[in-house]
């Protein structure tokens, strides 16, 4: 991707909201046409900067109805490294229409045994950017050194050795912003608009919000749990 286009794309994300449109297995919304409708609804209702989408079919469906940049990923499995776990997964995500490919950039072994560097190089060869999903500052620094174009706190709390907490990892955001020269995105357990704003104030380039916006079942459960016991 030409340097001018990279600057334009990253600049368009700065200080803004990115919405993740994903549905877990078994959710009635788990279908490409449903995710495309959710993404179109989000874009129609708010000045978001980009959409994060899971799965090749969903990326293609969302690309047909949304003109904004797409951050694509491919979840394959449910344990260990499963967010765009190999270079082959990353190429498929890029070819489906994502301008930015999100990959697990933790230090854990990758299922094909190949290094993260191979994935980064594969994505760059296709003219796309790499977003490194990490769980610690050291992982973020290592990913930036390999050429990742953005670092995201997505996996904080999802590895046994990372910080475990109920809200966004503000300390990790601040540390990464101090240690890397590429944009740092806040992602993970951002439940409220106030938390999103706090993440930006902590040093995030942009903030990614998913379930608090696009998961009706989880949103309804939060409201139900806040009510007094039924009579």
C-alpha atoms as a PDB file:
ATOM      1  CA  UNK A   1       0.000   0.000   0.000  1.00  0.00           C
ATOM      2  CA  UNK A   2       1.465   3.396  -0.955  1.00  0.00           C
ATOM      3  CA  UNK A   3       2.762   5.434   1.987  1.00  0.00           C
ATOM      4  CA  UNK A   4       0.349   8.268   1.245  1.00  0.00           C
ATOM      5  CA  UNK A   5      -2.609   5.863   1.363  1.00  0.00           C
ATOM      6  CA  UNK A   6      -1.328   4.399   4.652  1.00  0.00           C
ATOM      7  CA  UNK A   7      -1.151   7.867   6.203  1.00  0.00           C
ATOM      8  CA  UNK A   8      -4.624   8.661   4.919  1.00  0.00           C
ATOM      9  CA  UNK A   9      -6.101   5.429   6.248  1.00  0.00           C
ATOM     10  CA  UNK A  10      -4.495   5.651   9.672  1.00  0.00           C
ATOM     11  CA  UNK A  11      -5.275   9.348   9.950  1.00  0.00           C
ATOM     12  CA  UNK A  12      -8.959   8.636   9.305  1.00  0.00           C
ATOM     13  CA  UNK A  13      -9.011   6.334  12.352  1.00  0.00           C
ATOM     14  CA  UNK A  14      -7.410   8.727  14.821  1.00  0.00           C
ATOM     15  CA  UNK A  15      -9.534   9.554  17.850  1.00  0.00           C
ATOM     16  CA  UNK A  16     -12.517   7.715  16.468  1.00  0.00           C
ATOM     17  CA  UNK A  17     -14.754   4.702  17.024  1.00  0.00           C
ATOM     18  CA  UNK A  18     -14.353   1.374  15.247  1.00  0.00           C
ATOM     19  CA  UNK A  19     -17.218  -1.094  15.641  1.00  0.00           C
ATOM     20  CA  UNK A  20     -16.724  -4.854  15.681  1.00  0.00           C
ATOM     21  CA  UNK A  21     -19.581  -6.741  14.044  1.00  0.00           C
ATOM     22  CA  UNK A  22     -19.277 -10.390  15.059  1.00  0.00           C
ATOM     23  CA  UNK A  23     -21.646 -13.090  16.277  1.00  0.00           C
ATOM     24  CA  UNK A  24     -20.628 -16.147  18.271  1.00  0.00           C
ATOM     25  CA  UNK A  25     -21.407 -19.677  17.047  1.00  0.00           C
ATOM     26  CA  UNK A  26     -25.035 -20.505  17.780  1.00  0.00           C
ATOM     27  CA  UNK A  27     -26.151 -16.869  17.832  1.00  0.00           C
ATOM     28  CA  UNK A  28     -29.139 -16.230  15.524  1.00  0.00           C
ATOM     29  CA  UNK A  29     -27.133 -13.377  13.967  1.00  0.00           C
ATOM     30  CA  UNK A  30     -24.363 -15.765  12.895  1.00  0.00           C
ATOM     31  CA  UNK A  31     -24.799 -15.375   9.135  1.00  0.00           C
ATOM     32  CA  UNK A  32     -23.045 -13.096   6.641  1.00  0.00           C
ATOM     33  CA  UNK A  33     -26.234 -11.312   5.597  1.00  0.00           C
ATOM     34  CA  UNK A  34     -27.077 -10.556   9.230  1.00  0.00           C
ATOM     35  CA  UNK A  35     -23.635  -9.148   9.959  1.00  0.00           C
ATOM     36  CA  UNK A  36     -23.815  -7.057   6.811  1.00  0.00           C
ATOM     37  CA  UNK A  37     -27.144  -5.634   7.997  1.00  0.00           C
ATOM     38  CA  UNK A  38     -25.723  -4.911  11.451  1.00  0.00           C
ATOM     39  CA  UNK A  39     -22.717  -3.150   9.931  1.00  0.00           C
ATOM     40  CA  UNK A  40     -24.912  -1.103   7.590  1.00  0.00           C
ATOM     41  CA  UNK A  41     -27.109  -0.094  10.521  1.00  0.00           C
ATOM     42  CA  UNK A  42     -24.098   0.991  12.575  1.00  0.00           C
ATOM     43  CA  UNK A  43     -22.711   3.063   9.713  1.00  0.00           C
ATOM     44  CA  UNK A  44     -26.086   4.688   9.083  1.00  0.00           C
ATOM     45  CA  UNK A  45     -26.479   5.678  12.719  1.00  0.00           C
ATOM     46  CA  UNK A  46     -23.046   6.865  13.826  1.00  0.00           C
ATOM     47  CA  UNK A  47     -19.882   8.464  12.382  1.00  0.00           C
ATOM     48  CA  UNK A  48     -17.718   5.366  12.851  1.00  0.00           C
ATOM     49  CA  UNK A  49     -14.291   5.132  11.234  1.00  0.00           C
ATOM     50  CA  UNK A  50     -14.135   1.440  10.341  1.00  0.00           C
ATOM     51  CA  UNK A  51     -15.779  -1.942  10.883  1.00  0.00           C
ATOM     52  CA  UNK A  52     -14.065  -5.030  12.292  1.00  0.00           C
ATOM     53  CA  UNK A  53     -15.429  -8.248  10.785  1.00  0.00           C
ATOM     54  CA  UNK A  54     -14.782 -11.949  11.404  1.00  0.00           C
ATOM     55  CA  UNK A  55     -14.730 -14.560   8.662  1.00  0.00           C
ATOM     56  CA  UNK A  56     -14.180 -14.441   4.926  1.00  0.00           C
ATOM     57  CA  UNK A  57     -17.886 -14.732   4.039  1.00  0.00           C
ATOM     58  CA  UNK A  58     -18.818 -11.963   6.474  1.00  0.00           C
ATOM     59  CA  UNK A  59     -16.057  -9.699   5.154  1.00  0.00           C
ATOM     60  CA  UNK A  60     -17.325 -10.116   1.607  1.00  0.00           C
ATOM     61  CA  UNK A  61     -20.929  -9.477   2.683  1.00  0.00           C
ATOM     62  CA  UNK A  62     -20.046  -6.361   4.684  1.00  0.00           C
ATOM     63  CA  UNK A  63     -17.811  -5.084   1.873  1.00  0.00           C
ATOM     64  CA  UNK A  64     -20.821  -5.083  -0.457  1.00  0.00           C
ATOM     65  CA  UNK A  65     -22.806  -2.699   1.761  1.00  0.00           C
ATOM     66  CA  UNK A  66     -20.173  -0.641   3.612  1.00  0.00           C
ATOM     67  CA  UNK A  67     -17.624   1.664   2.001  1.00  0.00           C
ATOM     68  CA  UNK A  68     -15.603   2.261   5.186  1.00  0.00           C
ATOM     69  CA  UNK A  69     -12.278   0.520   5.819  1.00  0.00           C
ATOM     70  CA  UNK A  70     -12.661  -3.048   7.075  1.00  0.00           C
ATOM     71  CA  UNK A  71     -10.481  -4.688   9.693  1.00  0.00           C
ATOM     72  CA  UNK A  72     -10.793  -8.362   8.873  1.00  0.00           C
ATOM     73  CA  UNK A  73      -9.904 -11.486  10.786  1.00  0.00           C
ATOM     74  CA  UNK A  74     -10.590 -15.196  10.633  1.00  0.00           C
ATOM     75  CA  UNK A  75     -11.216 -17.118  13.840  1.00  0.00           C
ATOM     76  CA  UNK A  76     -10.266 -20.748  13.331  1.00  0.00           C
ATOM     77  CA  UNK A  77     -10.650 -22.840  16.474  1.00  0.00           C
ATOM     78  CA  UNK A  78     -11.219 -21.698  20.019  1.00  0.00           C
ATOM     79  CA  UNK A  79      -7.967 -22.198  21.907  1.00  0.00           C
ATOM     80  CA  UNK A  80      -4.428 -20.940  21.636  1.00  0.00           C
ATOM     81  CA  UNK A  81      -3.686 -18.884  18.532  1.00  0.00           C
ATOM     82  CA  UNK A  82      -6.947 -18.811  16.581  1.00  0.00           C
ATOM     83  CA  UNK A  83      -7.357 -15.211  15.380  1.00  0.00           C
ATOM     84  CA  UNK A  84      -6.047 -15.318  11.796  1.00  0.00           C
ATOM     85  CA  UNK A  85      -3.560 -17.952  12.956  1.00  0.00           C
ATOM     86  CA  UNK A  86      -1.545 -18.478   9.767  1.00  0.00           C
ATOM     87  CA  UNK A  87      -0.290 -16.621   6.718  1.00  0.00           C
ATOM     88  CA  UNK A  88      -2.838 -18.525   4.605  1.00  0.00           C
ATOM     89  CA  UNK A  89      -5.691 -17.258   6.782  1.00  0.00           C
ATOM     90  CA  UNK A  90      -4.316 -13.724   6.546  1.00  0.00           C
ATOM     91  CA  UNK A  91      -4.098 -13.825   2.754  1.00  0.00           C
ATOM     92  CA  UNK A  92      -7.696 -15.031   2.525  1.00  0.00           C
ATOM     93  CA  UNK A  93      -8.863 -12.183   4.753  1.00  0.00           C
ATOM     94  CA  UNK A  94      -7.010  -9.616   2.654  1.00  0.00           C
ATOM     95  CA  UNK A  95      -8.336 -11.050  -0.595  1.00  0.00           C
ATOM     96  CA  UNK A  96     -11.902 -10.957   0.771  1.00  0.00           C
ATOM     97  CA  UNK A  97     -11.737  -7.158   0.935  1.00  0.00           C
ATOM     98  CA  UNK A  98     -10.182  -6.122   4.259  1.00  0.00           C
ATOM     99  CA  UNK A  99      -7.803  -3.174   4.124  1.00  0.00           C
ATOM    100  CA  UNK A 100      -6.420  -4.143   7.548  1.00  0.00           C
ATOM    101  CA  UNK A 101      -5.828  -7.746   8.620  1.00  0.00           C
ATOM    102  CA  UNK A 102      -5.985  -8.455  12.363  1.00  0.00           C
ATOM    103  CA  UNK A 103      -3.793 -11.314  13.565  1.00  0.00           C
ATOM    104  CA  UNK A 104      -2.917 -12.925  16.868  1.00  0.00           C
ATOM    105  CA  UNK A 105       0.526 -11.501  17.625  1.00  0.00           C
ATOM    106  CA  UNK A 106       1.066 -13.089  21.021  1.00  0.00           C
ATOM    107  CA  UNK A 107       4.208 -15.063  21.689  1.00  0.00           C
ATOM    108  CA  UNK A 108       2.371 -18.389  21.622  1.00  0.00           C
ATOM    109  CA  UNK A 109       3.160 -21.076  19.015  1.00  0.00           C
ATOM    110  CA  UNK A 110       1.234 -20.701  15.754  1.00  0.00           C
ATOM    111  CA  UNK A 111      -0.605 -23.779  14.466  1.00  0.00           C
ATOM    112  CA  UNK A 112       1.436 -24.050  11.259  1.00  0.00           C
ATOM    113  CA  UNK A 113       4.704 -23.638  13.140  1.00  0.00           C
ATOM    114  CA  UNK A 114       5.683 -20.602  11.059  1.00  0.00           C
ATOM    115  CA  UNK A 115       6.760 -17.286  12.595  1.00  0.00           C
ATOM    116  CA  UNK A 116       4.556 -14.195  12.774  1.00  0.00           C
ATOM    117  CA  UNK A 117       6.972 -12.480  10.386  1.00  0.00           C
ATOM    118  CA  UNK A 118       5.685 -14.698   7.546  1.00  0.00           C
ATOM    119  CA  UNK A 119       2.126 -13.511   8.134  1.00  0.00           C
ATOM    120  CA  UNK A 120       3.138  -9.850   8.247  1.00  0.00           C
ATOM    121  CA  UNK A 121       5.100 -10.180   5.016  1.00  0.00           C
ATOM    122  CA  UNK A 122       2.245 -12.038   3.284  1.00  0.00           C
ATOM    123  CA  UNK A 123      -0.237  -9.278   4.125  1.00  0.00           C
ATOM    124  CA  UNK A 124       2.132  -6.514   3.058  1.00  0.00           C
ATOM    125  CA  UNK A 125       2.784  -8.291  -0.243  1.00  0.00           C
ATOM    126  CA  UNK A 126      -0.950  -7.973  -0.955  1.00  0.00           C
ATOM    127  CA  UNK A 127      -0.864  -4.256  -0.199  1.00  0.00           C
ATOM    128  CA  UNK A 128      -2.760  -4.472   3.073  1.00  0.00           C
ATOM    129  CA  UNK A 129      -1.941  -3.409   6.625  1.00  0.00           C
ATOM    130  CA  UNK A 130      -1.434  -5.643   9.651  1.00  0.00           C
ATOM    131  CA  UNK A 131      -3.085  -5.076  13.019  1.00  0.00           C
ATOM    132  CA  UNK A 132      -1.354  -7.063  15.752  1.00  0.00           C
ATOM    133  CA  UNK A 133      -3.700  -8.283  18.486  1.00  0.00           C
ATOM    134  CA  UNK A 134      -1.578  -8.582  21.637  1.00  0.00           C
ATOM    135  CA  UNK A 135      -1.972  -9.230  25.346  1.00  0.00           C
ATOM    136  CA  UNK A 136       1.154  -7.568  26.766  1.00  0.00           C
ATOM    137  CA  UNK A 137       3.373  -4.600  26.011  1.00  0.00           C
ATOM    138  CA  UNK A 138       6.340  -6.790  25.130  1.00  0.00           C
ATOM    139  CA  UNK A 139       4.241  -8.599  22.525  1.00  0.00           C
ATOM    140  CA  UNK A 140       3.230  -5.260  21.047  1.00  0.00           C
ATOM    141  CA  UNK A 141       6.819  -4.054  20.859  1.00  0.00           C
ATOM    142  CA  UNK A 142       7.880  -7.302  19.186  1.00  0.00           C
ATOM    143  CA  UNK A 143       5.029  -7.083  16.647  1.00  0.00           C
ATOM    144  CA  UNK A 144       5.907  -3.489  15.784  1.00  0.00           C
ATOM    145  CA  UNK A 145       9.510  -4.538  15.234  1.00  0.00           C
ATOM    146  CA  UNK A 146       8.282  -7.152  12.746  1.00  0.00           C
ATOM    147  CA  UNK A 147       6.450  -4.492  10.763  1.00  0.00           C
ATOM    148  CA  UNK A 148       2.918  -4.517  12.183  1.00  0.00           C
ATOM    149  CA  UNK A 149       1.170  -1.294  11.196  1.00  0.00           C
ATOM    150  CA  UNK A 150      -1.135  -1.075  14.219  1.00  0.00           C
ATOM    151  CA  UNK A 151      -1.127  -2.687  17.669  1.00  0.00           C
ATOM    152  CA  UNK A 152      -4.359  -3.586  19.471  1.00  0.00           C
ATOM    153  CA  UNK A 153      -4.926  -4.600  23.090  1.00  0.00           C
ATOM    154  CA  UNK A 154      -7.507  -7.182  21.973  1.00  0.00           C
ATOM    155  CA  UNK A 155      -6.022 -10.158  23.795  1.00  0.00           C
ATOM    156  CA  UNK A 156      -5.257  -8.595  27.175  1.00  0.00           C
ATOM    157  CA  UNK A 157      -6.941 -10.866  29.684  1.00  0.00           C
ATOM    158  CA  UNK A 158      -7.275 -13.695  27.167  1.00  0.00           C
ATOM    159  CA  UNK A 159      -3.851 -15.181  27.779  1.00  0.00           C
ATOM    160  CA  UNK A 160      -3.059 -16.635  31.208  1.00  0.00           C
ATOM    161  CA  UNK A 161      -0.013 -14.421  31.638  1.00  0.00           C
ATOM    162  CA  UNK A 162      -1.707 -11.100  30.815  1.00  0.00           C
ATOM    163  CA  UNK A 163      -3.563  -8.706  33.107  1.00  0.00           C
ATOM    164  CA  UNK A 164      -6.988 -10.028  34.135  1.00  0.00           C
ATOM    165  CA  UNK A 165      -9.651  -7.384  34.682  1.00  0.00           C
ATOM    166  CA  UNK A 166     -13.267  -6.560  33.870  1.00  0.00           C
ATOM    167  CA  UNK A 167     -12.701  -3.331  31.928  1.00  0.00           C
ATOM    168  CA  UNK A 168     -10.324  -2.069  29.232  1.00  0.00           C
ATOM    169  CA  UNK A 169      -6.613  -2.421  29.959  1.00  0.00           C
ATOM    170  CA  UNK A 170      -5.767   1.264  30.248  1.00  0.00           C
ATOM    171  CA  UNK A 171      -2.315   0.587  31.647  1.00  0.00           C
ATOM    172  CA  UNK A 172      -1.434  -1.507  28.608  1.00  0.00           C
ATOM    173  CA  UNK A 173      -2.733   1.193  26.266  1.00  0.00           C
ATOM    174  CA  UNK A 174      -0.553   3.809  27.932  1.00  0.00           C
ATOM    175  CA  UNK A 175       2.552   1.623  28.005  1.00  0.00           C
ATOM    176  CA  UNK A 176       2.203   0.633  24.361  1.00  0.00           C
ATOM    177  CA  UNK A 177       1.634   4.232  23.295  1.00  0.00           C
ATOM    178  CA  UNK A 178       4.921   5.104  25.026  1.00  0.00           C
ATOM    179  CA  UNK A 179       6.898   2.211  23.579  1.00  0.00           C
ATOM    180  CA  UNK A 180       5.853   1.847  19.941  1.00  0.00           C
ATOM    181  CA  UNK A 181       5.808   4.271  17.035  1.00  0.00           C
ATOM    182  CA  UNK A 182       2.675   2.857  15.371  1.00  0.00           C
ATOM    183  CA  UNK A 183      -0.957   3.520  16.324  1.00  0.00           C
ATOM    184  CA  UNK A 184      -2.279   1.672  19.380  1.00  0.00           C
ATOM    185  CA  UNK A 185      -5.927   0.650  19.373  1.00  0.00           C
ATOM    186  CA  UNK A 186      -7.932  -0.020  22.513  1.00  0.00           C
ATOM    187  CA  UNK A 187     -10.002  -3.167  22.197  1.00  0.00           C
ATOM    188  CA  UNK A 188     -11.490  -5.542  24.717  1.00  0.00           C
ATOM    189  CA  UNK A 189     -14.138  -5.115  27.416  1.00  0.00           C
ATOM    190  CA  UNK A 190     -15.061  -1.541  26.485  1.00  0.00           C
ATOM    191  CA  UNK A 191     -18.606  -1.491  27.875  1.00  0.00           C
ATOM    192  CA  UNK A 192     -19.610   2.171  27.958  1.00  0.00           C
ATOM    193  CA  UNK A 193     -19.063   5.440  26.084  1.00  0.00           C
ATOM    194  CA  UNK A 194     -17.211   6.731  29.127  1.00  0.00           C
ATOM    195  CA  UNK A 195     -14.749   3.821  28.975  1.00  0.00           C
ATOM    196  CA  UNK A 196     -14.215   4.451  25.269  1.00  0.00           C
ATOM    197  CA  UNK A 197     -13.374   8.087  25.941  1.00  0.00           C
ATOM    198  CA  UNK A 198     -11.052   7.122  28.796  1.00  0.00           C
ATOM    199  CA  UNK A 199      -9.208   4.751  26.479  1.00  0.00           C
ATOM    200  CA  UNK A 200      -8.550   7.572  24.021  1.00  0.00           C
ATOM    201  CA  UNK A 201      -7.365   9.773  26.880  1.00  0.00           C
ATOM    202  CA  UNK A 202      -5.010   6.970  27.985  1.00  0.00           C
ATOM    203  CA  UNK A 203      -3.230   7.134  24.639  1.00  0.00           C
ATOM    204  CA  UNK A 204      -5.260   4.994  22.227  1.00  0.00           C
ATOM    205  CA  UNK A 205      -5.222   6.079  18.594  1.00  0.00           C
ATOM    206  CA  UNK A 206      -8.746   4.688  18.196  1.00  0.00           C
ATOM    207  CA  UNK A 207     -11.106   2.462  20.152  1.00  0.00           C
ATOM    208  CA  UNK A 208     -12.799  -0.742  19.017  1.00  0.00           C
ATOM    209  CA  UNK A 209     -16.157  -1.627  20.573  1.00  0.00           C
ATOM    210  CA  UNK A 210     -18.003  -4.832  19.816  1.00  0.00           C
ATOM    211  CA  UNK A 211     -20.523  -6.533  22.044  1.00  0.00           C
ATOM    212  CA  UNK A 212     -21.594  -3.356  23.837  1.00  0.00           C
ATOM    213  CA  UNK A 213     -22.958  -2.153  20.479  1.00  0.00           C
ATOM    214  CA  UNK A 214     -23.594  -5.143  18.229  1.00  0.00           C
ATOM    215  CA  UNK A 215     -24.526  -8.090  20.493  1.00  0.00           C
ATOM    216  CA  UNK A 216     -28.261  -7.861  21.339  1.00  0.00           C
ATOM    217  CA  UNK A 217     -28.258 -10.924  23.588  1.00  0.00           C
ATOM    218  CA  UNK A 218     -25.438  -9.590  25.754  1.00  0.00           C
ATOM    219  CA  UNK A 219     -26.929  -6.105  25.875  1.00  0.00           C
ATOM    220  CA  UNK A 220     -30.341  -7.452  26.916  1.00  0.00           C
ATOM    221  CA  UNK A 221     -28.737  -9.650  29.580  1.00  0.00           C
ATOM    222  CA  UNK A 222     -26.978  -6.633  31.112  1.00  0.00           C
ATOM    223  CA  UNK A 223     -30.238  -4.711  31.349  1.00  0.00           C
ATOM    224  CA  UNK A 224     -32.099  -7.696  32.783  1.00  0.00           C
ATOM    225  CA  UNK A 225     -29.419  -8.277  35.396  1.00  0.00           C
ATOM    226  CA  UNK A 226     -29.609  -4.654  36.533  1.00  0.00           C
ATOM    227  CA  UNK A 227     -33.292  -4.859  37.412  1.00  0.00           C
ATOM    228  CA  UNK A 228     -34.554  -5.870  40.856  1.00  0.00           C
ATOM    229  CA  UNK A 229     -35.695  -9.482  41.252  1.00  0.00           C
ATOM    230  CA  UNK A 230     -39.067 -10.215  39.693  1.00  0.00           C
ATOM    231  CA  UNK A 231     -42.155 -10.455  41.878  1.00  0.00           C
END
